[in-house]
Amino acid sequence: MTDIPKLQERLREFADKRDWKQFHSPKNLSMALIVEAGELAEHFQWLTQEESFNLANEKLEAVGEELADIFVYLVRLADQLDIDLAKVVERKIDLNEAKYPADLVRGSARKYTEYQ
């Protein structure tokens, strides 16, 4: 498994070799991330729940590429802002565990403000 700091370094080198750091502002990276998320959503638009779980291999590969694009921009954005992505994800999981206690929310899609 590749860790996030190694990915950040590889992406930093990739951008540096192409003189792209000048374009990788937090604003631009966050906008690119949203564009890629939209491209991901296009693959699922108009599908039923069941169809979204049963993608053809070609469609699944395309979805994987969109996920990779999203992840690349997310990792690059975290690097540009000097955010330890793994650390903040762990913290967010802890916060969500407190907001959504399993015994209170099991099987429910309601927001935490609806049951507290």
PDB file of N, CA and C in Angstrom:
ATOM      1  N   MET A   1       0.848  -1.186   0.000  1.00  0.00           N
ATOM      2  CA  MET A   1       0.000   0.000   0.000  1.00  0.00           C
ATOM      3  C   MET A   1       0.888   1.243   0.000  1.00  0.00           C
ATOM      4  N   THR A   2       0.563   2.156  -0.844  1.00  0.00           N
ATOM      5  CA  THR A   2       1.283   3.414  -0.914  1.00  0.00           C
ATOM      6  C   THR A   2       0.719   4.358   0.129  1.00  0.00           C
ATOM      7  N   ASP A   3       1.586   5.026   0.865  1.00  0.00           N
ATOM      8  CA  ASP A   3       1.069   5.956   1.875  1.00  0.00           C
ATOM      9  C   ASP A   3       0.930   7.360   1.284  1.00  0.00           C
ATOM     10  N   ILE A   4       0.159   8.180   1.951  1.00  0.00           N
ATOM     11  CA  ILE A   4      -0.160   9.507   1.439  1.00  0.00           C
ATOM     12  C   ILE A   4       1.073  10.384   1.272  1.00  0.00           C
ATOM     13  N   PRO A   5       1.999  10.438   2.246  1.00  0.00           N
ATOM     14  CA  PRO A   5       3.190  11.270   2.017  1.00  0.00           C
ATOM     15  C   PRO A   5       3.986  10.874   0.762  1.00  0.00           C
ATOM     16  N   LYS A   6       4.051   9.588   0.455  1.00  0.00           N
ATOM     17  CA  LYS A   6       4.745   9.160  -0.768  1.00  0.00           C
ATOM     18  C   LYS A   6       3.990   9.630  -2.007  1.00  0.00           C
ATOM     19  N   LEU A   7       2.667   9.546  -1.965  1.00  0.00           N
ATOM     20  CA  LEU A   7       1.868  10.047  -3.084  1.00  0.00           C
ATOM     21  C   LEU A   7       2.043  11.551  -3.243  1.00  0.00           C
ATOM     22  N   GLN A   8       2.060  12.274  -2.127  1.00  0.00           N
ATOM     23  CA  GLN A   8       2.246  13.720  -2.187  1.00  0.00           C
ATOM     24  C   GLN A   8       3.582  14.065  -2.833  1.00  0.00           C
ATOM     25  N   GLU A   9       4.610  13.355  -2.444  1.00  0.00           N
ATOM     26  CA  GLU A   9       5.937  13.605  -3.013  1.00  0.00           C
ATOM     27  C   GLU A   9       5.942  13.315  -4.508  1.00  0.00           C
ATOM     28  N   ARG A  10       5.344  12.213  -4.900  1.00  0.00           N
ATOM     29  CA  ARG A  10       5.311  11.866  -6.332  1.00  0.00           C
ATOM     30  C   ARG A  10       4.522  12.901  -7.127  1.00  0.00           C
ATOM     31  N   LEU A  11       3.393  13.337  -6.587  1.00  0.00           N
ATOM     32  CA  LEU A  11       2.586  14.349  -7.266  1.00  0.00           C
ATOM     33  C   LEU A  11       3.298  15.704  -7.303  1.00  0.00           C
ATOM     34  N   ARG A  12       4.025  16.027  -6.231  1.00  0.00           N
ATOM     35  CA  ARG A  12       4.808  17.262  -6.183  1.00  0.00           C
ATOM     36  C   ARG A  12       5.871  17.246  -7.283  1.00  0.00           C
ATOM     37  N   GLU A  13       6.572  16.119  -7.415  1.00  0.00           N
ATOM     38  CA  GLU A  13       7.594  15.974  -8.451  1.00  0.00           C
ATOM     39  C   GLU A  13       6.971  16.046  -9.840  1.00  0.00           C
ATOM     40  N   PHE A  14       5.825  15.410 -10.015  1.00  0.00           N
ATOM     41  CA  PHE A  14       5.120  15.441 -11.294  1.00  0.00           C
ATOM     42  C   PHE A  14       4.795  16.882 -11.684  1.00  0.00           C
ATOM     43  N   ALA A  15       4.239  17.634 -10.748  1.00  0.00           N
ATOM     44  CA  ALA A  15       3.882  19.042 -11.013  1.00  0.00           C
ATOM     45  C   ALA A  15       5.127  19.895 -11.247  1.00  0.00           C
ATOM     46  N   ASP A  16       6.168  19.678 -10.441  1.00  0.00           N
ATOM     47  CA  ASP A  16       7.398  20.471 -10.574  1.00  0.00           C
ATOM     48  C   ASP A  16       8.048  20.269 -11.943  1.00  0.00           C
ATOM     49  N   LYS A  17       8.097  19.036 -12.429  1.00  0.00           N
ATOM     50  CA  LYS A  17       8.716  18.754 -13.723  1.00  0.00           C
ATOM     51  C   LYS A  17       7.987  19.453 -14.867  1.00  0.00           C
ATOM     52  N   ARG A  18       6.730  19.763 -14.658  1.00  0.00           N
ATOM     53  CA  ARG A  18       5.915  20.395 -15.698  1.00  0.00           C
ATOM     54  C   ARG A  18       5.669  21.877 -15.427  1.00  0.00           C
ATOM     55  N   ASP A  19       6.291  22.388 -14.368  1.00  0.00           N
ATOM     56  CA  ASP A  19       6.098  23.775 -13.947  1.00  0.00           C
ATOM     57  C   ASP A  19       4.610  24.094 -13.740  1.00  0.00           C
ATOM     58  N   TRP A  20       3.911  23.181 -13.075  1.00  0.00           N
ATOM     59  CA  TRP A  20       2.476  23.337 -12.833  1.00  0.00           C
ATOM     60  C   TRP A  20       2.156  23.839 -11.434  1.00  0.00           C
ATOM     61  N   LYS A  21       3.148  23.959 -10.575  1.00  0.00           N
ATOM     62  CA  LYS A  21       2.864  24.431  -9.223  1.00  0.00           C
ATOM     63  C   LYS A  21       2.159  25.792  -9.258  1.00  0.00           C
ATOM     64  N   GLN A  22       2.524  26.599 -10.246  1.00  0.00           N
ATOM     65  CA  GLN A  22       1.918  27.922 -10.379  1.00  0.00           C
ATOM     66  C   GLN A  22       0.399  27.841 -10.560  1.00  0.00           C
ATOM     67  N   PHE A  23      -0.101  26.710 -11.043  1.00  0.00           N
ATOM     68  CA  PHE A  23      -1.532  26.534 -11.263  1.00  0.00           C
ATOM     69  C   PHE A  23      -2.216  25.798 -10.102  1.00  0.00           C
ATOM     70  N   HIS A  24      -1.424  25.243  -9.202  1.00  0.00           N
ATOM     71  CA  HIS A  24      -1.969  24.398  -8.144  1.00  0.00           C
ATOM     72  C   HIS A  24      -2.236  25.163  -6.855  1.00  0.00           C
ATOM     73  N   SER A  25      -2.958  26.243  -6.995  1.00  0.00           N
ATOM     74  CA  SER A  25      -3.390  26.984  -5.804  1.00  0.00           C
ATOM     75  C   SER A  25      -4.527  26.200  -5.145  1.00  0.00           C
ATOM     76  N   PRO A  26      -4.751  26.416  -3.860  1.00  0.00           N
ATOM     77  CA  PRO A  26      -5.892  25.749  -3.219  1.00  0.00           C
ATOM     78  C   PRO A  26      -7.209  26.021  -3.944  1.00  0.00           C
ATOM     79  N   LYS A  27      -7.396  27.236  -4.411  1.00  0.00           N
ATOM     80  CA  LYS A  27      -8.625  27.569  -5.156  1.00  0.00           C
ATOM     81  C   LYS A  27      -8.752  26.704  -6.409  1.00  0.00           C
ATOM     82  N   ASN A  28      -7.695  26.645  -7.210  1.00  0.00           N
ATOM     83  CA  ASN A  28      -7.757  25.885  -8.454  1.00  0.00           C
ATOM     84  C   ASN A  28      -7.887  24.388  -8.207  1.00  0.00           C
ATOM     85  N   LEU A  29      -7.168  23.883  -7.216  1.00  0.00           N
ATOM     86  CA  LEU A  29      -7.248  22.453  -6.925  1.00  0.00           C
ATOM     87  C   LEU A  29      -8.630  22.064  -6.409  1.00  0.00           C
ATOM     88  N   SER A  30      -9.232  22.914  -5.576  1.00  0.00           N
ATOM     89  CA  SER A  30     -10.573  22.593  -5.070  1.00  0.00           C
ATOM     90  C   SER A  30     -11.592  22.643  -6.201  1.00  0.00           C
ATOM     91  N   MET A  31     -11.430  23.572  -7.124  1.00  0.00           N
ATOM     92  CA  MET A  31     -12.333  23.637  -8.275  1.00  0.00           C
ATOM     93  C   MET A  31     -12.154  22.405  -9.168  1.00  0.00           C
ATOM     94  N   ALA A  32     -10.926  21.991  -9.402  1.00  0.00           N
ATOM     95  CA  ALA A  32     -10.665  20.804 -10.216  1.00  0.00           C
ATOM     96  C   ALA A  32     -11.256  19.556  -9.553  1.00  0.00           C
ATOM     97  N   LEU A  33     -11.167  19.498  -8.232  1.00  0.00           N
ATOM     98  CA  LEU A  33     -11.722  18.370  -7.496  1.00  0.00           C
ATOM     99  C   LEU A  33     -13.243  18.288  -7.710  1.00  0.00           C
ATOM    100  N   ILE A  34     -13.914  19.426  -7.656  1.00  0.00           N
ATOM    101  CA  ILE A  34     -15.356  19.468  -7.864  1.00  0.00           C
ATOM    102  C   ILE A  34     -15.720  19.058  -9.293  1.00  0.00           C
ATOM    103  N   VAL A  35     -14.943  19.503 -10.265  1.00  0.00           N
ATOM    104  CA  VAL A  35     -15.185  19.123 -11.653  1.00  0.00           C
ATOM    105  C   VAL A  35     -15.087  17.607 -11.802  1.00  0.00           C
ATOM    106  N   GLU A  36     -14.065  17.024 -11.222  1.00  0.00           N
ATOM    107  CA  GLU A  36     -13.887  15.571 -11.309  1.00  0.00           C
ATOM    108  C   GLU A  36     -15.008  14.834 -10.576  1.00  0.00           C
ATOM    109  N   ALA A  37     -15.461  15.368  -9.452  1.00  0.00           N
ATOM    110  CA  ALA A  37     -16.579  14.744  -8.736  1.00  0.00           C
ATOM    111  C   ALA A  37     -17.833  14.769  -9.606  1.00  0.00           C
ATOM    112  N   GLY A  38     -18.029  15.850 -10.347  1.00  0.00           N
ATOM    113  CA  GLY A  38     -19.146  15.921 -11.283  1.00  0.00           C
ATOM    114  C   GLY A  38     -19.036  14.874 -12.376  1.00  0.00           C
ATOM    115  N   GLU A  39     -17.819  14.667 -12.874  1.00  0.00           N
ATOM    116  CA  GLU A  39     -17.602  13.641 -13.895  1.00  0.00           C
ATOM    117  C   GLU A  39     -17.887  12.250 -13.339  1.00  0.00           C
ATOM    118  N   LEU A  40     -17.555  12.023 -12.080  1.00  0.00           N
ATOM    119  CA  LEU A  40     -17.883  10.760 -11.439  1.00  0.00           C
ATOM    120  C   LEU A  40     -19.401  10.586 -11.355  1.00  0.00           C
ATOM    121  N   ALA A  41     -20.097  11.629 -10.931  1.00  0.00           N
ATOM    122  CA  ALA A  41     -21.551  11.561 -10.778  1.00  0.00           C
ATOM    123  C   ALA A  41     -22.238  11.257 -12.118  1.00  0.00           C
ATOM    124  N   GLU A  42     -21.662  11.740 -13.219  1.00  0.00           N
ATOM    125  CA  GLU A  42     -22.251  11.479 -14.537  1.00  0.00           C
ATOM    126  C   GLU A  42     -22.387   9.990 -14.828  1.00  0.00           C
ATOM    127  N   HIS A  43     -21.446   9.196 -14.338  1.00  0.00           N
ATOM    128  CA  HIS A  43     -21.493   7.756 -14.589  1.00  0.00           C
ATOM    129  C   HIS A  43     -22.682   7.098 -13.895  1.00  0.00           C
ATOM    130  N   PHE A  44     -23.203   7.722 -12.861  1.00  0.00           N
ATOM    131  CA  PHE A  44     -24.303   7.139 -12.087  1.00  0.00           C
ATOM    132  C   PHE A  44     -25.644   7.823 -12.354  1.00  0.00           C
ATOM    133  N   GLN A  45     -25.593   8.940 -13.061  1.00  0.00           N
ATOM    134  CA  GLN A  45     -26.819   9.685 -13.340  1.00  0.00           C
ATOM    135  C   GLN A  45     -27.805   8.785 -14.071  1.00  0.00           C
ATOM    136  N   TRP A  46     -29.017   8.767 -13.588  1.00  0.00           N
ATOM    137  CA  TRP A  46     -30.150   8.041 -14.153  1.00  0.00           C
ATOM    138  C   TRP A  46     -30.116   6.535 -13.917  1.00  0.00           C
ATOM    139  N   LEU A  47     -29.120   6.027 -13.217  1.00  0.00           N
ATOM    140  CA  LEU A  47     -29.111   4.600 -12.895  1.00  0.00           C
ATOM    141  C   LEU A  47     -29.987   4.346 -11.671  1.00  0.00           C
ATOM    142  N   THR A  48     -30.529   3.152 -11.602  1.00  0.00           N
ATOM    143  CA  THR A  48     -31.228   2.755 -10.380  1.00  0.00           C
ATOM    144  C   THR A  48     -30.183   2.397  -9.325  1.00  0.00           C
ATOM    145  N   GLN A  49     -30.633   2.244  -8.086  1.00  0.00           N
ATOM    146  CA  GLN A  49     -29.716   1.815  -7.024  1.00  0.00           C
ATOM    147  C   GLN A  49     -29.022   0.514  -7.426  1.00  0.00           C
ATOM    148  N   GLU A  50     -29.809  -0.446  -7.895  1.00  0.00           N
ATOM    149  CA  GLU A  50     -29.256  -1.746  -8.269  1.00  0.00           C
ATOM    150  C   GLU A  50     -28.256  -1.621  -9.414  1.00  0.00           C
ATOM    151  N   GLU A  51     -28.594  -0.851 -10.435  1.00  0.00           N
ATOM    152  CA  GLU A  51     -27.686  -0.669 -11.568  1.00  0.00           C
ATOM    153  C   GLU A  51     -26.365  -0.040 -11.132  1.00  0.00           C
ATOM    154  N   SER A  52     -26.424   0.851 -10.143  1.00  0.00           N
ATOM    155  CA  SER A  52     -25.193   1.513  -9.692  1.00  0.00           C
ATOM    156  C   SER A  52     -24.230   0.537  -9.025  1.00  0.00           C
ATOM    157  N   PHE A  53     -24.742  -0.586  -8.526  1.00  0.00           N
ATOM    158  CA  PHE A  53     -23.889  -1.615  -7.921  1.00  0.00           C
ATOM    159  C   PHE A  53     -23.382  -2.629  -8.941  1.00  0.00           C
ATOM    160  N   ASN A  54     -23.958  -2.629 -10.127  1.00  0.00           N
ATOM    161  CA  ASN A  54     -23.642  -3.655 -11.122  1.00  0.00           C
ATOM    162  C   ASN A  54     -23.152  -3.037 -12.418  1.00  0.00           C
ATOM    163  N   LEU A  55     -22.059  -2.318 -12.346  1.00  0.00           N
ATOM    164  CA  LEU A  55     -21.507  -1.647 -13.523  1.00  0.00           C
ATOM    165  C   LEU A  55     -20.754  -2.641 -14.403  1.00  0.00           C
ATOM    166  N   ALA A  56     -20.872  -2.440 -15.699  1.00  0.00           N
ATOM    167  CA  ALA A  56     -20.086  -3.234 -16.638  1.00  0.00           C
ATOM    168  C   ALA A  56     -18.607  -2.927 -16.416  1.00  0.00           C
ATOM    169  N   ASN A  57     -17.751  -3.848 -16.794  1.00  0.00           N
ATOM    170  CA  ASN A  57     -16.308  -3.682 -16.560  1.00  0.00           C
ATOM    171  C   ASN A  57     -15.763  -2.386 -17.142  1.00  0.00           C
ATOM    172  N   GLU A  58     -16.176  -2.032 -18.345  1.00  0.00           N
ATOM    173  CA  GLU A  58     -15.699  -0.799 -18.977  1.00  0.00           C
ATOM    174  C   GLU A  58     -16.125   0.425 -18.168  1.00  0.00           C
ATOM    175  N   LYS A  59     -17.368   0.424 -17.692  1.00  0.00           N
ATOM    176  CA  LYS A  59     -17.880   1.542 -16.881  1.00  0.00           C
ATOM    177  C   LYS A  59     -17.169   1.571 -15.532  1.00  0.00           C
ATOM    178  N   LEU A  60     -16.924   0.413 -14.953  1.00  0.00           N
ATOM    179  CA  LEU A  60     -16.233   0.337 -13.671  1.00  0.00           C
ATOM    180  C   LEU A  60     -14.814   0.889 -13.785  1.00  0.00           C
ATOM    181  N   GLU A  61     -14.163   0.609 -14.886  1.00  0.00           N
ATOM    182  CA  GLU A  61     -12.815   1.146 -15.118  1.00  0.00           C
ATOM    183  C   GLU A  61     -12.856   2.665 -15.232  1.00  0.00           C
ATOM    184  N   ALA A  62     -13.842   3.186 -15.937  1.00  0.00           N
ATOM    185  CA  ALA A  62     -13.983   4.643 -16.080  1.00  0.00           C
ATOM    186  C   ALA A  62     -14.269   5.294 -14.726  1.00  0.00           C
ATOM    187  N   VAL A  63     -15.099   4.661 -13.922  1.00  0.00           N
ATOM    188  CA  VAL A  63     -15.387   5.172 -12.576  1.00  0.00           C
ATOM    189  C   VAL A  63     -14.108   5.172 -11.744  1.00  0.00           C
ATOM    190  N   GLY A  64     -13.313   4.121 -11.853  1.00  0.00           N
ATOM    191  CA  GLY A  64     -12.039   4.062 -11.144  1.00  0.00           C
ATOM    192  C   GLY A  64     -11.113   5.197 -11.525  1.00  0.00           C
ATOM    193  N   GLU A  65     -11.080   5.541 -12.795  1.00  0.00           N
ATOM    194  CA  GLU A  65     -10.238   6.650 -13.242  1.00  0.00           C
ATOM    195  C   GLU A  65     -10.718   7.983 -12.678  1.00  0.00           C
ATOM    196  N   GLU A  66     -12.039   8.166 -12.608  1.00  0.00           N
ATOM    197  CA  GLU A  66     -12.569   9.395 -12.003  1.00  0.00           C
ATOM    198  C   GLU A  66     -12.238   9.451 -10.517  1.00  0.00           C
ATOM    199  N   LEU A  67     -12.357   8.325  -9.828  1.00  0.00           N
ATOM    200  CA  LEU A  67     -11.988   8.283  -8.408  1.00  0.00           C
ATOM    201  C   LEU A  67     -10.514   8.633  -8.227  1.00  0.00           C
ATOM    202  N   ALA A  68      -9.678   8.130  -9.119  1.00  0.00           N
ATOM    203  CA  ALA A  68      -8.244   8.449  -9.052  1.00  0.00           C
ATOM    204  C   ALA A  68      -8.016   9.939  -9.261  1.00  0.00           C
ATOM    205  N   ASP A  69      -8.716  10.541 -10.227  1.00  0.00           N
ATOM    206  CA  ASP A  69      -8.579  11.981 -10.454  1.00  0.00           C
ATOM    207  C   ASP A  69      -8.968  12.769  -9.202  1.00  0.00           C
ATOM    208  N   ILE A  70     -10.067  12.378  -8.597  1.00  0.00           N
ATOM    209  CA  ILE A  70     -10.536  13.048  -7.378  1.00  0.00           C
ATOM    210  C   ILE A  70      -9.495  12.911  -6.271  1.00  0.00           C
ATOM    211  N   PHE A  71      -8.981  11.714  -6.100  1.00  0.00           N
ATOM    212  CA  PHE A  71      -8.001  11.459  -5.044  1.00  0.00           C
ATOM    213  C   PHE A  71      -6.718  12.251  -5.281  1.00  0.00           C
ATOM    214  N   VAL A  72      -6.284  12.318  -6.538  1.00  0.00           N
ATOM    215  CA  VAL A  72      -5.073  13.070  -6.875  1.00  0.00           C
ATOM    216  C   VAL A  72      -5.238  14.535  -6.482  1.00  0.00           C
ATOM    217  N   TYR A  73      -6.348  15.138  -6.867  1.00  0.00           N
ATOM    218  CA  TYR A  73      -6.561  16.552  -6.527  1.00  0.00           C
ATOM    219  C   TYR A  73      -6.699  16.747  -5.021  1.00  0.00           C
ATOM    220  N   LEU A  74      -7.341  15.813  -4.353  1.00  0.00           N
ATOM    221  CA  LEU A  74      -7.495  15.902  -2.903  1.00  0.00           C
ATOM    222  C   LEU A  74      -6.142  15.816  -2.199  1.00  0.00           C
ATOM    223  N   VAL A  75      -5.324  14.870  -2.609  1.00  0.00           N
ATOM    224  CA  VAL A  75      -3.989  14.704  -2.020  1.00  0.00           C
ATOM    225  C   VAL A  75      -3.124  15.922  -2.317  1.00  0.00           C
ATOM    226  N   ARG A  76      -3.215  16.427  -3.522  1.00  0.00           N
ATOM    227  CA  ARG A  76      -2.427  17.610  -3.901  1.00  0.00           C
ATOM    228  C   ARG A  76      -2.867  18.836  -3.104  1.00  0.00           C
ATOM    229  N   LEU A  77      -4.172  19.006  -2.924  1.00  0.00           N
ATOM    230  CA  LEU A  77      -4.701  20.127  -2.149  1.00  0.00           C
ATOM    231  C   LEU A  77      -4.224  20.047  -0.701  1.00  0.00           C
ATOM    232  N   ALA A  78      -4.304  18.878  -0.113  1.00  0.00           N
ATOM    233  CA  ALA A  78      -3.830  18.704   1.268  1.00  0.00           C
ATOM    234  C   ALA A  78      -2.345  19.043   1.364  1.00  0.00           C
ATOM    235  N   ASP A  79      -1.573  18.634   0.366  1.00  0.00           N
ATOM    236  CA  ASP A  79      -0.139  18.929   0.357  1.00  0.00           C
ATOM    237  C   ASP A  79       0.110  20.433   0.272  1.00  0.00           C
ATOM    238  N   GLN A  80      -0.611  21.109  -0.604  1.00  0.00           N
ATOM    239  CA  GLN A  80      -0.423  22.551  -0.766  1.00  0.00           C
ATOM    240  C   GLN A  80      -0.792  23.313   0.505  1.00  0.00           C
ATOM    241  N   LEU A  81      -1.723  22.790   1.289  1.00  0.00           N
ATOM    242  CA  LEU A  81      -2.151  23.451   2.523  1.00  0.00           C
ATOM    243  C   LEU A  81      -1.451  22.892   3.762  1.00  0.00           C
ATOM    244  N   ASP A  82      -0.526  21.952   3.533  1.00  0.00           N
ATOM    245  CA  ASP A  82       0.216  21.311   4.622  1.00  0.00           C
ATOM    246  C   ASP A  82      -0.738  20.686   5.647  1.00  0.00           C
ATOM    247  N   ILE A  83      -1.729  19.974   5.134  1.00  0.00           N
ATOM    248  CA  ILE A  83      -2.694  19.265   5.975  1.00  0.00           C
ATOM    249  C   ILE A  83      -2.341  17.785   5.954  1.00  0.00           C
ATOM    250  N   ASP A  84      -2.221  17.206   7.126  1.00  0.00           N
ATOM    251  CA  ASP A  84      -1.968  15.774   7.248  1.00  0.00           C
ATOM    252  C   ASP A  84      -3.303  15.069   7.036  1.00  0.00           C
ATOM    253  N   LEU A  85      -3.520  14.618   5.821  1.00  0.00           N
ATOM    254  CA  LEU A  85      -4.802  14.062   5.430  1.00  0.00           C
ATOM    255  C   LEU A  85      -5.193  12.845   6.268  1.00  0.00           C
ATOM    256  N   ALA A  86      -4.269  11.945   6.503  1.00  0.00           N
ATOM    257  CA  ALA A  86      -4.576  10.761   7.304  1.00  0.00           C
ATOM    258  C   ALA A  86      -4.993  11.156   8.723  1.00  0.00           C
ATOM    259  N   LYS A  87      -4.313  12.133   9.280  1.00  0.00           N
ATOM    260  CA  LYS A  87      -4.620  12.585  10.640  1.00  0.00           C
ATOM    261  C   LYS A  87      -6.006  13.226  10.717  1.00  0.00           C
ATOM    262  N   VAL A  88      -6.343  14.085   9.756  1.00  0.00           N
ATOM    263  CA  VAL A  88      -7.647  14.744   9.808  1.00  0.00           C
ATOM    264  C   VAL A  88      -8.785  13.771   9.501  1.00  0.00           C
ATOM    265  N   VAL A  89      -8.508  12.753   8.689  1.00  0.00           N
ATOM    266  CA  VAL A  89      -9.531  11.729   8.439  1.00  0.00           C
ATOM    267  C   VAL A  89      -9.795  10.941   9.717  1.00  0.00           C
ATOM    268  N   GLU A  90      -8.736  10.553  10.408  1.00  0.00           N
ATOM    269  CA  GLU A  90      -8.915   9.840  11.686  1.00  0.00           C
ATOM    270  C   GLU A  90      -9.718  10.681  12.669  1.00  0.00           C
ATOM    271  N   ARG A  91      -9.408  11.964  12.747  1.00  0.00           N
ATOM    272  CA  ARG A  91     -10.124  12.868  13.654  1.00  0.00           C
ATOM    273  C   ARG A  91     -11.595  12.973  13.252  1.00  0.00           C
ATOM    274  N   LYS A  92     -11.851  13.062  11.952  1.00  0.00           N
ATOM    275  CA  LYS A  92     -13.228  13.172  11.470  1.00  0.00           C
ATOM    276  C   LYS A  92     -14.022  11.907  11.780  1.00  0.00           C
ATOM    277  N   ILE A  93     -13.400  10.749  11.646  1.00  0.00           N
ATOM    278  CA  ILE A  93     -14.073   9.496  12.001  1.00  0.00           C
ATOM    279  C   ILE A  93     -14.438   9.517  13.482  1.00  0.00           C
ATOM    280  N   ASP A  94     -13.512   9.963  14.327  1.00  0.00           N
ATOM    281  CA  ASP A  94     -13.796  10.059  15.765  1.00  0.00           C
ATOM    282  C   ASP A  94     -14.972  10.991  16.026  1.00  0.00           C
ATOM    283  N   LEU A  95     -14.988  12.151  15.364  1.00  0.00           N
ATOM    284  CA  LEU A  95     -16.099  13.089  15.532  1.00  0.00           C
ATOM    285  C   LEU A  95     -17.419  12.480  15.075  1.00  0.00           C
ATOM    286  N   ASN A  96     -17.384  11.771  13.957  1.00  0.00           N
ATOM    287  CA  ASN A  96     -18.607  11.147  13.447  1.00  0.00           C
ATOM    288  C   ASN A  96     -19.094  10.019  14.342  1.00  0.00           C
ATOM    289  N   GLU A  97     -18.169   9.302  14.966  1.00  0.00           N
ATOM    290  CA  GLU A  97     -18.576   8.266  15.921  1.00  0.00           C
ATOM    291  C   GLU A  97     -19.321   8.882  17.091  1.00  0.00           C
ATOM    292  N   ALA A  98     -18.891  10.063  17.516  1.00  0.00           N
ATOM    293  CA  ALA A  98     -19.578  10.753  18.613  1.00  0.00           C
ATOM    294  C   ALA A  98     -20.930  11.301  18.152  1.00  0.00           C
ATOM    295  N   LYS A  99     -20.989  11.827  16.936  1.00  0.00           N
ATOM    296  CA  LYS A  99     -22.236  12.390  16.399  1.00  0.00           C
ATOM    297  C   LYS A  99     -23.266  11.310  16.093  1.00  0.00           C
ATOM    298  N   TYR A 100     -22.787  10.173  15.659  1.00  0.00           N
ATOM    299  CA  TYR A 100     -23.655   9.091  15.193  1.00  0.00           C
ATOM    300  C   TYR A 100     -23.398   7.802  15.980  1.00  0.00           C
ATOM    301  N   PRO A 101     -23.808   7.742  17.239  1.00  0.00           N
ATOM    302  CA  PRO A 101     -23.606   6.519  18.019  1.00  0.00           C
ATOM    303  C   PRO A 101     -24.365   5.356  17.367  1.00  0.00           C
ATOM    304  N   ALA A 102     -23.687   4.261  17.164  1.00  0.00           N
ATOM    305  CA  ALA A 102     -24.265   3.130  16.435  1.00  0.00           C
ATOM    306  C   ALA A 102     -25.592   2.671  17.023  1.00  0.00           C
ATOM    307  N   ASP A 103     -25.700   2.668  18.339  1.00  0.00           N
ATOM    308  CA  ASP A 103     -26.938   2.179  18.959  1.00  0.00           C
ATOM    309  C   ASP A 103     -28.126   3.101  18.710  1.00  0.00           C
ATOM    310  N   LEU A 104     -27.871   4.372  18.365  1.00  0.00           N
ATOM    311  CA  LEU A 104     -28.960   5.314  18.098  1.00  0.00           C
ATOM    312  C   LEU A 104     -29.300   5.439  16.610  1.00  0.00           C
ATOM    313  N   VAL A 105     -28.343   5.185  15.749  1.00  0.00           N
ATOM    314  CA  VAL A 105     -28.553   5.487  14.329  1.00  0.00           C
ATOM    315  C   VAL A 105     -28.566   4.262  13.418  1.00  0.00           C
ATOM    316  N   ARG A 106     -28.356   3.093  13.956  1.00  0.00           N
ATOM    317  CA  ARG A 106     -28.280   1.890  13.126  1.00  0.00           C
ATOM    318  C   ARG A 106     -29.493   1.813  12.201  1.00  0.00           C
ATOM    319  N   GLY A 107     -29.226   1.717  10.897  1.00  0.00           N
ATOM    320  CA  GLY A 107     -30.280   1.561   9.909  1.00  0.00           C
ATOM    321  C   GLY A 107     -31.002   2.839   9.529  1.00  0.00           C
ATOM    322  N   SER A 108     -30.571   3.975  10.057  1.00  0.00           N
ATOM    323  CA  SER A 108     -31.240   5.242   9.774  1.00  0.00           C
ATOM    324  C   SER A 108     -30.330   6.161   8.969  1.00  0.00           C
ATOM    325  N   ALA A 109     -30.913   6.894   8.043  1.00  0.00           N
ATOM    326  CA  ALA A 109     -30.155   7.858   7.244  1.00  0.00           C
ATOM    327  C   ALA A 109     -30.383   9.283   7.717  1.00  0.00           C
ATOM    328  N   ARG A 110     -31.030   9.433   8.880  1.00  0.00           N
ATOM    329  CA  ARG A 110     -31.298  10.781   9.384  1.00  0.00           C
ATOM    330  C   ARG A 110     -30.005  11.468   9.809  1.00  0.00           C
ATOM    331  N   LYS A 111     -30.002  12.789   9.712  1.00  0.00           N
ATOM    332  CA  LYS A 111     -28.873  13.589  10.156  1.00  0.00           C
ATOM    333  C   LYS A 111     -28.837  13.603  11.689  1.00  0.00           C
ATOM    334  N   TYR A 112     -27.639  13.760  12.239  1.00  0.00           N
ATOM    335  CA  TYR A 112     -27.480  13.696  13.699  1.00  0.00           C
ATOM    336  C   TYR A 112     -28.354  14.703  14.444  1.00  0.00           C
ATOM    337  N   THR A 113     -28.663  15.814  13.847  1.00  0.00           N
ATOM    338  CA  THR A 113     -29.489  16.824  14.519  1.00  0.00           C
ATOM    339  C   THR A 113     -30.939  16.382  14.666  1.00  0.00           C
ATOM    340  N   GLU A 114     -31.337  15.342  13.956  1.00  0.00           N
ATOM    341  CA  GLU A 114     -32.719  14.877  13.998  1.00  0.00           C
ATOM    342  C   GLU A 114     -32.988  13.892  15.131  1.00  0.00           C
ATOM    343  N   TYR A 115     -31.977  13.387  15.773  1.00  0.00           N
ATOM    344  CA  TYR A 115     -32.233  12.415  16.830  1.00  0.00           C
ATOM    345  C   TYR A 115     -31.624  12.807  18.167  1.00  0.00           C
ATOM    346  N   GLN A 116     -30.891  13.912  18.219  1.00  0.00           N
ATOM    347  CA  GLN A 116     -30.294  14.328  19.492  1.00  0.00           C
ATOM    348  C   GLN A 116     -31.187  15.270  20.232  1.00  0.00           C
TER     349      GLN A 116
END
